[in-house]
């Protein structure tokens, strides 16, 4: 499966792949983070540990065919009932604010 091999400085590379994989670089309160997540074939949300970066860190990202991924740190099951409930709650909130 096509995925990413992420190497920070001289650390062991992190190998990730999923049905849909995302890498995000973000700054939160002066912390630079690399957030790694995705969704699997069942629609479950998978996450790998956040990586805290420092000034001068080298981040190398390779797009590769990954045969064996590193174990995700979290797998959050998604079910259609929860998604519908959340959608209806958000829709009602936006309607109450007159935004839709």
PDB file of N, CA and C in Angstrom:
ATOM      1  N   UNK A   1       0.847  -1.166   0.000  1.00  0.00           N
ATOM      2  CA  UNK A   1       0.000   0.000   0.000  1.00  0.00           C
ATOM      3  C   UNK A   1       0.900   1.238   0.000  1.00  0.00           C
ATOM      4  N   UNK A   2       0.536   2.244  -0.764  1.00  0.00           N
ATOM      5  CA  UNK A   2       1.297   3.486  -0.795  1.00  0.00           C
ATOM      6  C   UNK A   2       1.121   4.206   0.537  1.00  0.00           C
ATOM      7  N   UNK A   3       2.219   4.670   1.094  1.00  0.00           N
ATOM      8  CA  UNK A   3       2.179   5.360   2.377  1.00  0.00           C
ATOM      9  C   UNK A   3       3.379   6.266   2.511  1.00  0.00           C
ATOM     10  N   UNK A   4       3.733   6.554   3.753  1.00  0.00           N
ATOM     11  CA  UNK A   4       4.824   7.471   4.045  1.00  0.00           C
ATOM     12  C   UNK A   4       5.819   6.834   4.999  1.00  0.00           C
ATOM     13  N   UNK A   5       7.069   7.121   4.761  1.00  0.00           N
ATOM     14  CA  UNK A   5       8.123   6.800   5.716  1.00  0.00           C
ATOM     15  C   UNK A   5       8.656   8.148   6.203  1.00  0.00           C
ATOM     16  N   UNK A   6       8.464   8.414   7.490  1.00  0.00           N
ATOM     17  CA  UNK A   6       8.823   9.706   8.073  1.00  0.00           C
ATOM     18  C   UNK A   6      10.027   9.517   8.986  1.00  0.00           C
ATOM     19  N   UNK A   7      11.079  10.259   8.694  1.00  0.00           N
ATOM     20  CA  UNK A   7      12.282  10.183   9.525  1.00  0.00           C
ATOM     21  C   UNK A   7      12.577  11.574  10.075  1.00  0.00           C
ATOM     22  N   UNK A   8      12.722  11.650  11.388  1.00  0.00           N
ATOM     23  CA  UNK A   8      13.052  12.909  12.049  1.00  0.00           C
ATOM     24  C   UNK A   8      14.481  12.788  12.567  1.00  0.00           C
ATOM     25  N   UNK A   9      15.344  13.685  12.071  1.00  0.00           N
ATOM     26  CA  UNK A   9      16.771  13.650  12.398  1.00  0.00           C
ATOM     27  C   UNK A   9      17.317  12.254  12.105  1.00  0.00           C
ATOM     28  N   UNK A  10      17.953  11.610  13.070  1.00  0.00           N
ATOM     29  CA  UNK A  10      18.504  10.270  12.858  1.00  0.00           C
ATOM     30  C   UNK A  10      17.687   9.193  13.559  1.00  0.00           C
ATOM     31  N   UNK A  11      16.431   9.523  13.910  1.00  0.00           N
ATOM     32  CA  UNK A  11      15.561   8.548  14.576  1.00  0.00           C
ATOM     33  C   UNK A  11      15.149   7.445  13.601  1.00  0.00           C
ATOM     34  N   UNK A  12      14.664   6.351  14.149  1.00  0.00           N
ATOM     35  CA  UNK A  12      14.130   5.255  13.332  1.00  0.00           C
ATOM     36  C   UNK A  12      12.910   5.775  12.580  1.00  0.00           C
ATOM     37  N   UNK A  13      12.806   5.519  11.275  1.00  0.00           N
ATOM     38  CA  UNK A  13      11.664   6.018  10.509  1.00  0.00           C
ATOM     39  C   UNK A  13      10.335   5.444  11.008  1.00  0.00           C
ATOM     40  N   UNK A  14       9.293   6.254  10.895  1.00  0.00           N
ATOM     41  CA  UNK A  14       7.926   5.835  11.192  1.00  0.00           C
ATOM     42  C   UNK A  14       7.293   5.483   9.852  1.00  0.00           C
ATOM     43  N   UNK A  15       6.729   4.280   9.754  1.00  0.00           N
ATOM     44  CA  UNK A  15       6.114   3.839   8.500  1.00  0.00           C
ATOM     45  C   UNK A  15       4.604   3.819   8.686  1.00  0.00           C
ATOM     46  N   UNK A  16       3.912   4.615   7.872  1.00  0.00           N
ATOM     47  CA  UNK A  16       2.457   4.679   7.981  1.00  0.00           C
ATOM     48  C   UNK A  16       1.820   4.479   6.610  1.00  0.00           C
ATOM     49  N   UNK A  17       0.669   3.860   6.623  1.00  0.00           N
ATOM     50  CA  UNK A  17      -0.145   3.710   5.420  1.00  0.00           C
ATOM     51  C   UNK A  17      -1.542   3.329   5.877  1.00  0.00           C
ATOM     52  N   UNK A  18      -2.531   3.828   5.175  1.00  0.00           N
ATOM     53  CA  UNK A  18      -3.920   3.478   5.452  1.00  0.00           C
ATOM     54  C   UNK A  18      -4.725   3.802   4.203  1.00  0.00           C
ATOM     55  N   UNK A  19      -6.010   3.544   4.243  1.00  0.00           N
ATOM     56  CA  UNK A  19      -6.871   3.840   3.099  1.00  0.00           C
ATOM     57  C   UNK A  19      -6.723   5.314   2.700  1.00  0.00           C
ATOM     58  N   UNK A  20      -6.637   6.176   3.695  1.00  0.00           N
ATOM     59  CA  UNK A  20      -6.430   7.609   3.491  1.00  0.00           C
ATOM     60  C   UNK A  20      -5.503   8.090   4.600  1.00  0.00           C
ATOM     61  N   UNK A  21      -4.314   8.528   4.252  1.00  0.00           N
ATOM     62  CA  UNK A  21      -3.322   8.940   5.258  1.00  0.00           C
ATOM     63  C   UNK A  21      -3.065  10.437   5.156  1.00  0.00           C
ATOM     64  N   UNK A  22      -2.852  11.062   6.326  1.00  0.00           N
ATOM     65  CA  UNK A  22      -2.584  12.491   6.363  1.00  0.00           C
ATOM     66  C   UNK A  22      -1.396  12.787   7.266  1.00  0.00           C
ATOM     67  N   UNK A  23      -0.608  13.755   6.833  1.00  0.00           N
ATOM     68  CA  UNK A  23       0.483  14.309   7.643  1.00  0.00           C
ATOM     69  C   UNK A  23       0.221  15.808   7.744  1.00  0.00           C
ATOM     70  N   UNK A  24       0.183  16.330   8.960  1.00  0.00           N
ATOM     71  CA  UNK A  24      -0.052  17.756   9.166  1.00  0.00           C
ATOM     72  C   UNK A  24       1.087  18.342   9.984  1.00  0.00           C
ATOM     73  N   UNK A  25       1.619  19.450   9.517  1.00  0.00           N
ATOM     74  CA  UNK A  25       2.566  20.235  10.309  1.00  0.00           C
ATOM     75  C   UNK A  25       1.789  21.423  10.847  1.00  0.00           C
ATOM     76  N   UNK A  26       1.860  21.644  12.151  1.00  0.00           N
ATOM     77  CA  UNK A  26       1.104  22.731  12.758  1.00  0.00           C
ATOM     78  C   UNK A  26       1.884  23.344  13.907  1.00  0.00           C
ATOM     79  N   UNK A  27       1.577  24.587  14.202  1.00  0.00           N
ATOM     80  CA  UNK A  27       2.158  25.271  15.358  1.00  0.00           C
ATOM     81  C   UNK A  27       1.025  25.549  16.333  1.00  0.00           C
ATOM     82  N   UNK A  28       1.161  25.030  17.551  1.00  0.00           N
ATOM     83  CA  UNK A  28       0.177  25.240  18.608  1.00  0.00           C
ATOM     84  C   UNK A  28       0.924  25.784  19.818  1.00  0.00           C
ATOM     85  N   UNK A  29       0.615  27.035  20.171  1.00  0.00           N
ATOM     86  CA  UNK A  29       1.246  27.671  21.327  1.00  0.00           C
ATOM     87  C   UNK A  29       2.771  27.523  21.303  1.00  0.00           C
ATOM     88  N   UNK A  30       3.377  27.882  20.211  1.00  0.00           N
ATOM     89  CA  UNK A  30       4.829  27.853  19.970  1.00  0.00           C
ATOM     90  C   UNK A  30       5.428  26.450  19.896  1.00  0.00           C
ATOM     91  N   UNK A  31       4.605  25.415  19.928  1.00  0.00           N
ATOM     92  CA  UNK A  31       5.085  24.047  19.708  1.00  0.00           C
ATOM     93  C   UNK A  31       4.828  23.671  18.254  1.00  0.00           C
ATOM     94  N   UNK A  32       5.840  23.120  17.606  1.00  0.00           N
ATOM     95  CA  UNK A  32       5.684  22.640  16.236  1.00  0.00           C
ATOM     96  C   UNK A  32       5.428  21.144  16.311  1.00  0.00           C
ATOM     97  N   UNK A  33       4.304  20.723  15.740  1.00  0.00           N
ATOM     98  CA  UNK A  33       3.905  19.322  15.812  1.00  0.00           C
ATOM     99  C   UNK A  33       3.736  18.739  14.423  1.00  0.00           C
ATOM    100  N   UNK A  34       4.082  17.474  14.282  1.00  0.00           N
ATOM    101  CA  UNK A  34       3.761  16.688  13.106  1.00  0.00           C
ATOM    102  C   UNK A  34       2.682  15.714  13.550  1.00  0.00           C
ATOM    103  N   UNK A  35       1.481  15.873  12.988  1.00  0.00           N
ATOM    104  CA  UNK A  35       0.345  15.023  13.332  1.00  0.00           C
ATOM    105  C   UNK A  35       0.152  14.012  12.211  1.00  0.00           C
ATOM    106  N   UNK A  36       0.020  12.743  12.577  1.00  0.00           N
ATOM    107  CA  UNK A  36      -0.057  11.662  11.598  1.00  0.00           C
ATOM    108  C   UNK A  36      -1.323  10.864  11.866  1.00  0.00           C
ATOM    109  N   UNK A  37      -2.182  10.753  10.839  1.00  0.00           N
ATOM    110  CA  UNK A  37      -3.435  10.023  11.030  1.00  0.00           C
ATOM    111  C   UNK A  37      -3.932   9.492   9.697  1.00  0.00           C
ATOM    112  N   UNK A  38      -5.059   8.804   9.758  1.00  0.00           N
ATOM    113  CA  UNK A  38      -5.669   8.274   8.553  1.00  0.00           C
ATOM    114  C   UNK A  38      -6.958   7.551   8.873  1.00  0.00           C
ATOM    115  N   UNK A  39      -7.519   6.927   7.858  1.00  0.00           N
ATOM    116  CA  UNK A  39      -8.695   6.076   8.035  1.00  0.00           C
ATOM    117  C   UNK A  39      -8.402   4.731   7.399  1.00  0.00           C
ATOM    118  N   UNK A  40      -8.933   3.677   8.015  1.00  0.00           N
ATOM    119  CA  UNK A  40      -8.714   2.343   7.463  1.00  0.00           C
ATOM    120  C   UNK A  40      -9.873   1.951   6.549  1.00  0.00           C
ATOM    121  N   UNK A  41      -9.840   0.735   6.045  1.00  0.00           N
ATOM    122  CA  UNK A  41     -10.864   0.274   5.104  1.00  0.00           C
ATOM    123  C   UNK A  41     -12.263   0.249   5.707  1.00  0.00           C
ATOM    124  N   UNK A  42     -12.357   0.160   7.039  1.00  0.00           N
ATOM    125  CA  UNK A  42     -13.657   0.143   7.715  1.00  0.00           C
ATOM    126  C   UNK A  42     -14.131   1.542   8.087  1.00  0.00           C
ATOM    127  N   UNK A  43     -13.354   2.564   7.753  1.00  0.00           N
ATOM    128  CA  UNK A  43     -13.719   3.927   8.098  1.00  0.00           C
ATOM    129  C   UNK A  43     -13.298   4.339   9.491  1.00  0.00           C
ATOM    130  N   UNK A  44     -12.561   3.473  10.181  1.00  0.00           N
ATOM    131  CA  UNK A  44     -12.072   3.804  11.517  1.00  0.00           C
ATOM    132  C   UNK A  44     -10.939   4.814  11.417  1.00  0.00           C
ATOM    133  N   UNK A  45     -10.854   5.689  12.406  1.00  0.00           N
ATOM    134  CA  UNK A  45      -9.795   6.697  12.463  1.00  0.00           C
ATOM    135  C   UNK A  45      -8.570   6.083  13.124  1.00  0.00           C
ATOM    136  N   UNK A  46      -7.426   6.166  12.470  1.00  0.00           N
ATOM    137  CA  UNK A  46      -6.184   5.643  13.040  1.00  0.00           C
ATOM    138  C   UNK A  46      -5.214   6.805  13.238  1.00  0.00           C
ATOM    139  N   UNK A  47      -4.486   6.764  14.358  1.00  0.00           N
ATOM    140  CA  UNK A  47      -3.532   7.828  14.676  1.00  0.00           C
ATOM    141  C   UNK A  47      -2.223   7.210  15.139  1.00  0.00           C
ATOM    142  N   UNK A  48      -1.143   7.883  14.782  1.00  0.00           N
ATOM    143  CA  UNK A  48       0.178   7.543  15.275  1.00  0.00           C
ATOM    144  C   UNK A  48       0.585   8.645  16.241  1.00  0.00           C
ATOM    145  N   UNK A  49       1.572   8.395  17.095  1.00  0.00           N
ATOM    146  CA  UNK A  49       1.950   9.420  18.081  1.00  0.00           C
ATOM    147  C   UNK A  49       2.335  10.745  17.414  1.00  0.00           C
ATOM    148  N   UNK A  50       1.878  11.855  18.021  1.00  0.00           N
ATOM    149  CA  UNK A  50       2.287  13.181  17.552  1.00  0.00           C
ATOM    150  C   UNK A  50       3.788  13.327  17.752  1.00  0.00           C
ATOM    151  N   UNK A  51       4.427  13.985  16.823  1.00  0.00           N
ATOM    152  CA  UNK A  51       5.864  14.214  16.898  1.00  0.00           C
ATOM    153  C   UNK A  51       6.096  15.692  17.202  1.00  0.00           C
ATOM    154  N   UNK A  52       6.784  15.977  18.295  1.00  0.00           N
ATOM    155  CA  UNK A  52       7.106  17.354  18.666  1.00  0.00           C
ATOM    156  C   UNK A  52       8.446  17.707  18.032  1.00  0.00           C
ATOM    157  N   UNK A  53       8.446  18.768  17.241  1.00  0.00           N
ATOM    158  CA  UNK A  53       9.648  19.171  16.519  1.00  0.00           C
ATOM    159  C   UNK A  53      10.287  20.382  17.186  1.00  0.00           C
ATOM    160  N   UNK A  54      11.598  20.476  17.018  1.00  0.00           N
ATOM    161  CA  UNK A  54      12.367  21.593  17.564  1.00  0.00           C
ATOM    162  C   UNK A  54      13.039  22.337  16.415  1.00  0.00           C
ATOM    163  N   UNK A  55      13.433  23.548  16.684  1.00  0.00           N
ATOM    164  CA  UNK A  55      14.156  24.336  15.697  1.00  0.00           C
ATOM    165  C   UNK A  55      15.399  23.563  15.255  1.00  0.00           C
ATOM    166  N   UNK A  56      15.589  23.456  13.952  1.00  0.00           N
ATOM    167  CA  UNK A  56      16.748  22.753  13.417  1.00  0.00           C
ATOM    168  C   UNK A  56      16.505  21.290  13.102  1.00  0.00           C
ATOM    169  N   UNK A  57      15.355  20.740  13.535  1.00  0.00           N
ATOM    170  CA  UNK A  57      15.057  19.340  13.218  1.00  0.00           C
ATOM    171  C   UNK A  57      14.947  19.158  11.709  1.00  0.00           C
ATOM    172  N   UNK A  58      15.411  18.012  11.239  1.00  0.00           N
ATOM    173  CA  UNK A  58      15.273  17.649   9.836  1.00  0.00           C
ATOM    174  C   UNK A  58      14.183  16.593   9.730  1.00  0.00           C
ATOM    175  N   UNK A  59      13.206  16.853   8.874  1.00  0.00           N
ATOM    176  CA  UNK A  59      12.112  15.910   8.652  1.00  0.00           C
ATOM    177  C   UNK A  59      12.204  15.443   7.212  1.00  0.00           C
ATOM    178  N   UNK A  60      12.347  14.130   7.022  1.00  0.00           N
ATOM    179  CA  UNK A  60      12.441  13.531   5.700  1.00  0.00           C
ATOM    180  C   UNK A  60      11.202  12.667   5.506  1.00  0.00           C
ATOM    181  N   UNK A  61      10.425  12.962   4.462  1.00  0.00           N
ATOM    182  CA  UNK A  61       9.209  12.200   4.175  1.00  0.00           C
ATOM    183  C   UNK A  61       9.368  11.551   2.811  1.00  0.00           C
ATOM    184  N   UNK A  62       9.282  10.220   2.782  1.00  0.00           N
ATOM    185  CA  UNK A  62       9.349   9.483   1.525  1.00  0.00           C
ATOM    186  C   UNK A  62       7.983   8.868   1.244  1.00  0.00           C
ATOM    187  N   UNK A  63       7.541   8.979   0.009  1.00  0.00           N
ATOM    188  CA  UNK A  63       6.334   8.283  -0.430  1.00  0.00           C
ATOM    189  C   UNK A  63       6.800   6.938  -0.952  1.00  0.00           C
ATOM    190  N   UNK A  64       6.262   5.853  -0.356  1.00  0.00           N
ATOM    191  CA  UNK A  64       6.747   4.512  -0.694  1.00  0.00           C
ATOM    192  C   UNK A  64       5.616   3.506  -0.668  1.00  0.00           C
ATOM    193  N   UNK A  65       5.909   2.353  -1.234  1.00  0.00           N
ATOM    194  CA  UNK A  65       5.036   1.195  -1.067  1.00  0.00           C
ATOM    195  C   UNK A  65       5.416   0.574   0.277  1.00  0.00           C
ATOM    196  N   UNK A  66       4.529   0.673   1.250  1.00  0.00           N
ATOM    197  CA  UNK A  66       4.795   0.197   2.610  1.00  0.00           C
ATOM    198  C   UNK A  66       4.170  -1.186   2.785  1.00  0.00           C
ATOM    199  N   UNK A  67       4.989  -2.163   3.106  1.00  0.00           N
ATOM    200  CA  UNK A  67       4.502  -3.530   3.314  1.00  0.00           C
ATOM    201  C   UNK A  67       4.068  -3.769   4.757  1.00  0.00           C
ATOM    202  N   UNK A  68       4.764  -3.131   5.694  1.00  0.00           N
ATOM    203  CA  UNK A  68       4.480  -3.341   7.118  1.00  0.00           C
ATOM    204  C   UNK A  68       4.514  -1.985   7.820  1.00  0.00           C
ATOM    205  N   UNK A  69       3.350  -1.534   8.314  1.00  0.00           N
ATOM    206  CA  UNK A  69       3.285  -0.232   8.970  1.00  0.00           C
ATOM    207  C   UNK A  69       3.638  -0.350  10.446  1.00  0.00           C
ATOM    208  N   UNK A  70       4.009   0.779  11.033  1.00  0.00           N
ATOM    209  CA  UNK A  70       4.167   0.841  12.485  1.00  0.00           C
ATOM    210  C   UNK A  70       2.775   0.835  13.109  1.00  0.00           C
ATOM    211  N   UNK A  71       2.659   0.198  14.247  1.00  0.00           N
ATOM    212  CA  UNK A  71       1.374   0.075  14.935  1.00  0.00           C
ATOM    213  C   UNK A  71       0.827   1.462  15.295  1.00  0.00           C
ATOM    214  N   UNK A  72      -0.419   1.771  14.911  1.00  0.00           N
ATOM    215  CA  UNK A  72      -1.006   3.045  15.329  1.00  0.00           C
ATOM    216  C   UNK A  72      -1.113   3.110  16.852  1.00  0.00           C
ATOM    217  N   UNK A  73      -1.032   4.321  17.397  1.00  0.00           N
ATOM    218  CA  UNK A  73      -1.177   4.493  18.845  1.00  0.00           C
ATOM    219  C   UNK A  73      -2.642   4.516  19.253  1.00  0.00           C
ATOM    220  N   UNK A  74      -3.524   4.774  18.285  1.00  0.00           N
ATOM    221  CA  UNK A  74      -4.953   4.851  18.591  1.00  0.00           C
ATOM    222  C   UNK A  74      -5.768   4.447  17.371  1.00  0.00           C
ATOM    223  N   UNK A  75      -6.802   3.656  17.605  1.00  0.00           N
ATOM    224  CA  UNK A  75      -7.773   3.324  16.559  1.00  0.00           C
ATOM    225  C   UNK A  75      -9.140   3.651  17.132  1.00  0.00           C
ATOM    226  N   UNK A  76      -9.826   4.590  16.492  1.00  0.00           N
ATOM    227  CA  UNK A  76     -11.128   5.027  16.975  1.00  0.00           C
ATOM    228  C   UNK A  76     -12.188   4.549  15.991  1.00  0.00           C
ATOM    229  N   UNK A  77     -13.022   3.630  16.465  1.00  0.00           N
ATOM    230  CA  UNK A  77     -14.061   3.083  15.600  1.00  0.00           C
ATOM    231  C   UNK A  77     -15.125   4.131  15.313  1.00  0.00           C
ATOM    232  N   UNK A  78     -15.536   4.196  14.073  1.00  0.00           N
ATOM    233  CA  UNK A  78     -16.611   5.095  13.662  1.00  0.00           C
ATOM    234  C   UNK A  78     -17.821   4.246  13.304  1.00  0.00           C
ATOM    235  N   UNK A  79     -18.983   4.647  13.781  1.00  0.00           N
ATOM    236  CA  UNK A  79     -20.182   3.943  13.346  1.00  0.00           C
ATOM    237  C   UNK A  79     -21.173   4.956  12.799  1.00  0.00           C
ATOM    238  N   UNK A  80     -22.022   4.511  11.924  1.00  0.00           N
ATOM    239  CA  UNK A  80     -22.932   5.402  11.210  1.00  0.00           C
ATOM    240  C   UNK A  80     -23.897   6.108  12.157  1.00  0.00           C
ATOM    241  N   UNK A  81     -24.310   5.455  13.235  1.00  0.00           N
ATOM    242  CA  UNK A  81     -25.230   6.093  14.180  1.00  0.00           C
ATOM    243  C   UNK A  81     -24.584   7.309  14.839  1.00  0.00           C
ATOM    244  N   UNK A  82     -23.331   7.171  15.241  1.00  0.00           N
ATOM    245  CA  UNK A  82     -22.622   8.293  15.856  1.00  0.00           C
ATOM    246  C   UNK A  82     -22.457   9.432  14.852  1.00  0.00           C
ATOM    247  N   UNK A  83     -22.100   9.103  13.628  1.00  0.00           N
ATOM    248  CA  UNK A  83     -21.895  10.127  12.604  1.00  0.00           C
ATOM    249  C   UNK A  83     -23.197  10.874  12.339  1.00  0.00           C
ATOM    250  N   UNK A  84     -24.315  10.153  12.228  1.00  0.00           N
ATOM    251  CA  UNK A  84     -25.615  10.800  12.009  1.00  0.00           C
ATOM    252  C   UNK A  84     -25.986  11.699  13.182  1.00  0.00           C
ATOM    253  N   UNK A  85     -25.791  11.207  14.400  1.00  0.00           N
ATOM    254  CA  UNK A  85     -26.118  11.985  15.596  1.00  0.00           C
ATOM    255  C   UNK A  85     -25.296  13.272  15.648  1.00  0.00           C
ATOM    256  N   UNK A  86     -24.022  13.161  15.368  1.00  0.00           N
ATOM    257  CA  UNK A  86     -23.142  14.337  15.380  1.00  0.00           C
ATOM    258  C   UNK A  86     -23.546  15.328  14.293  1.00  0.00           C
ATOM    259  N   UNK A  87     -23.881  14.813  13.112  1.00  0.00           N
ATOM    260  CA  UNK A  87     -24.331  15.665  12.013  1.00  0.00           C
ATOM    261  C   UNK A  87     -25.584  16.439  12.410  1.00  0.00           C
ATOM    262  N   UNK A  88     -26.568  15.756  12.982  1.00  0.00           N
ATOM    263  CA  UNK A  88     -27.819  16.414  13.364  1.00  0.00           C
ATOM    264  C   UNK A  88     -27.592  17.457  14.454  1.00  0.00           C
ATOM    265  N   UNK A  89     -26.706  17.171  15.403  1.00  0.00           N
ATOM    266  CA  UNK A  89     -26.374  18.146  16.450  1.00  0.00           C
ATOM    267  C   UNK A  89     -25.742  19.405  15.849  1.00  0.00           C
ATOM    268  N   UNK A  90     -24.800  19.207  14.952  1.00  0.00           N
ATOM    269  CA  UNK A  90     -24.130  20.348  14.329  1.00  0.00           C
ATOM    270  C   UNK A  90     -25.086  21.134  13.433  1.00  0.00           C
ATOM    271  N   UNK A  91     -25.952  20.424  12.725  1.00  0.00           N
ATOM    272  CA  UNK A  91     -26.940  21.080  11.864  1.00  0.00           C
ATOM    273  C   UNK A  91     -27.865  21.955  12.706  1.00  0.00           C
ATOM    274  N   UNK A  92     -28.359  21.410  13.828  1.00  0.00           N
ATOM    275  CA  UNK A  92     -29.246  22.172  14.713  1.00  0.00           C
ATOM    276  C   UNK A  92     -28.534  23.407  15.263  1.00  0.00           C
ATOM    277  N   UNK A  93     -27.275  23.252  15.624  1.00  0.00           N
ATOM    278  CA  UNK A  93     -26.500  24.383  16.147  1.00  0.00           C
ATOM    279  C   UNK A  93     -26.385  25.494  15.105  1.00  0.00           C
ATOM    280  N   UNK A  94     -26.100  25.132  13.866  1.00  0.00           N
ATOM    281  CA  UNK A  94     -25.981  26.128  12.801  1.00  0.00           C
ATOM    282  C   UNK A  94     -27.328  26.765  12.473  1.00  0.00           C
ATOM    283  N   UNK A  95     -28.404  25.977  12.525  1.00  0.00           N
ATOM    284  CA  UNK A  95     -29.744  26.526  12.291  1.00  0.00           C
ATOM    285  C   UNK A  95     -30.114  27.522  13.388  1.00  0.00           C
ATOM    286  N   UNK A  96     -29.805  27.193  14.632  1.00  0.00           N
ATOM    287  CA  UNK A  96     -30.101  28.089  15.755  1.00  0.00           C
ATOM    288  C   UNK A  96     -29.346  29.411  15.645  1.00  0.00           C
ATOM    289  N   UNK A  97     -28.175  29.375  15.049  1.00  0.00           N
ATOM    290  CA  UNK A  97     -27.382  30.591  14.868  1.00  0.00           C
ATOM    291  C   UNK A  97     -27.760  31.335  13.588  1.00  0.00           C
ATOM    292  N   UNK A  98     -28.693  30.750  12.812  1.00  0.00           N
ATOM    293  CA  UNK A  98     -29.133  31.379  11.574  1.00  0.00           C
ATOM    294  C   UNK A  98     -28.118  31.303  10.451  1.00  0.00           C
ATOM    295  N   UNK A  99     -27.211  30.357  10.556  1.00  0.00           N
ATOM    296  CA  UNK A  99     -26.172  30.233   9.530  1.00  0.00           C
ATOM    297  C   UNK A  99     -26.590  29.339   8.369  1.00  0.00           C
ATOM    298  N   UNK A 100     -27.597  28.509   8.607  1.00  0.00           N
ATOM    299  CA  UNK A 100     -28.160  27.703   7.508  1.00  0.00           C
ATOM    300  C   UNK A 100     -29.671  27.679   7.638  1.00  0.00           C
TER     301      UNK A 100
END
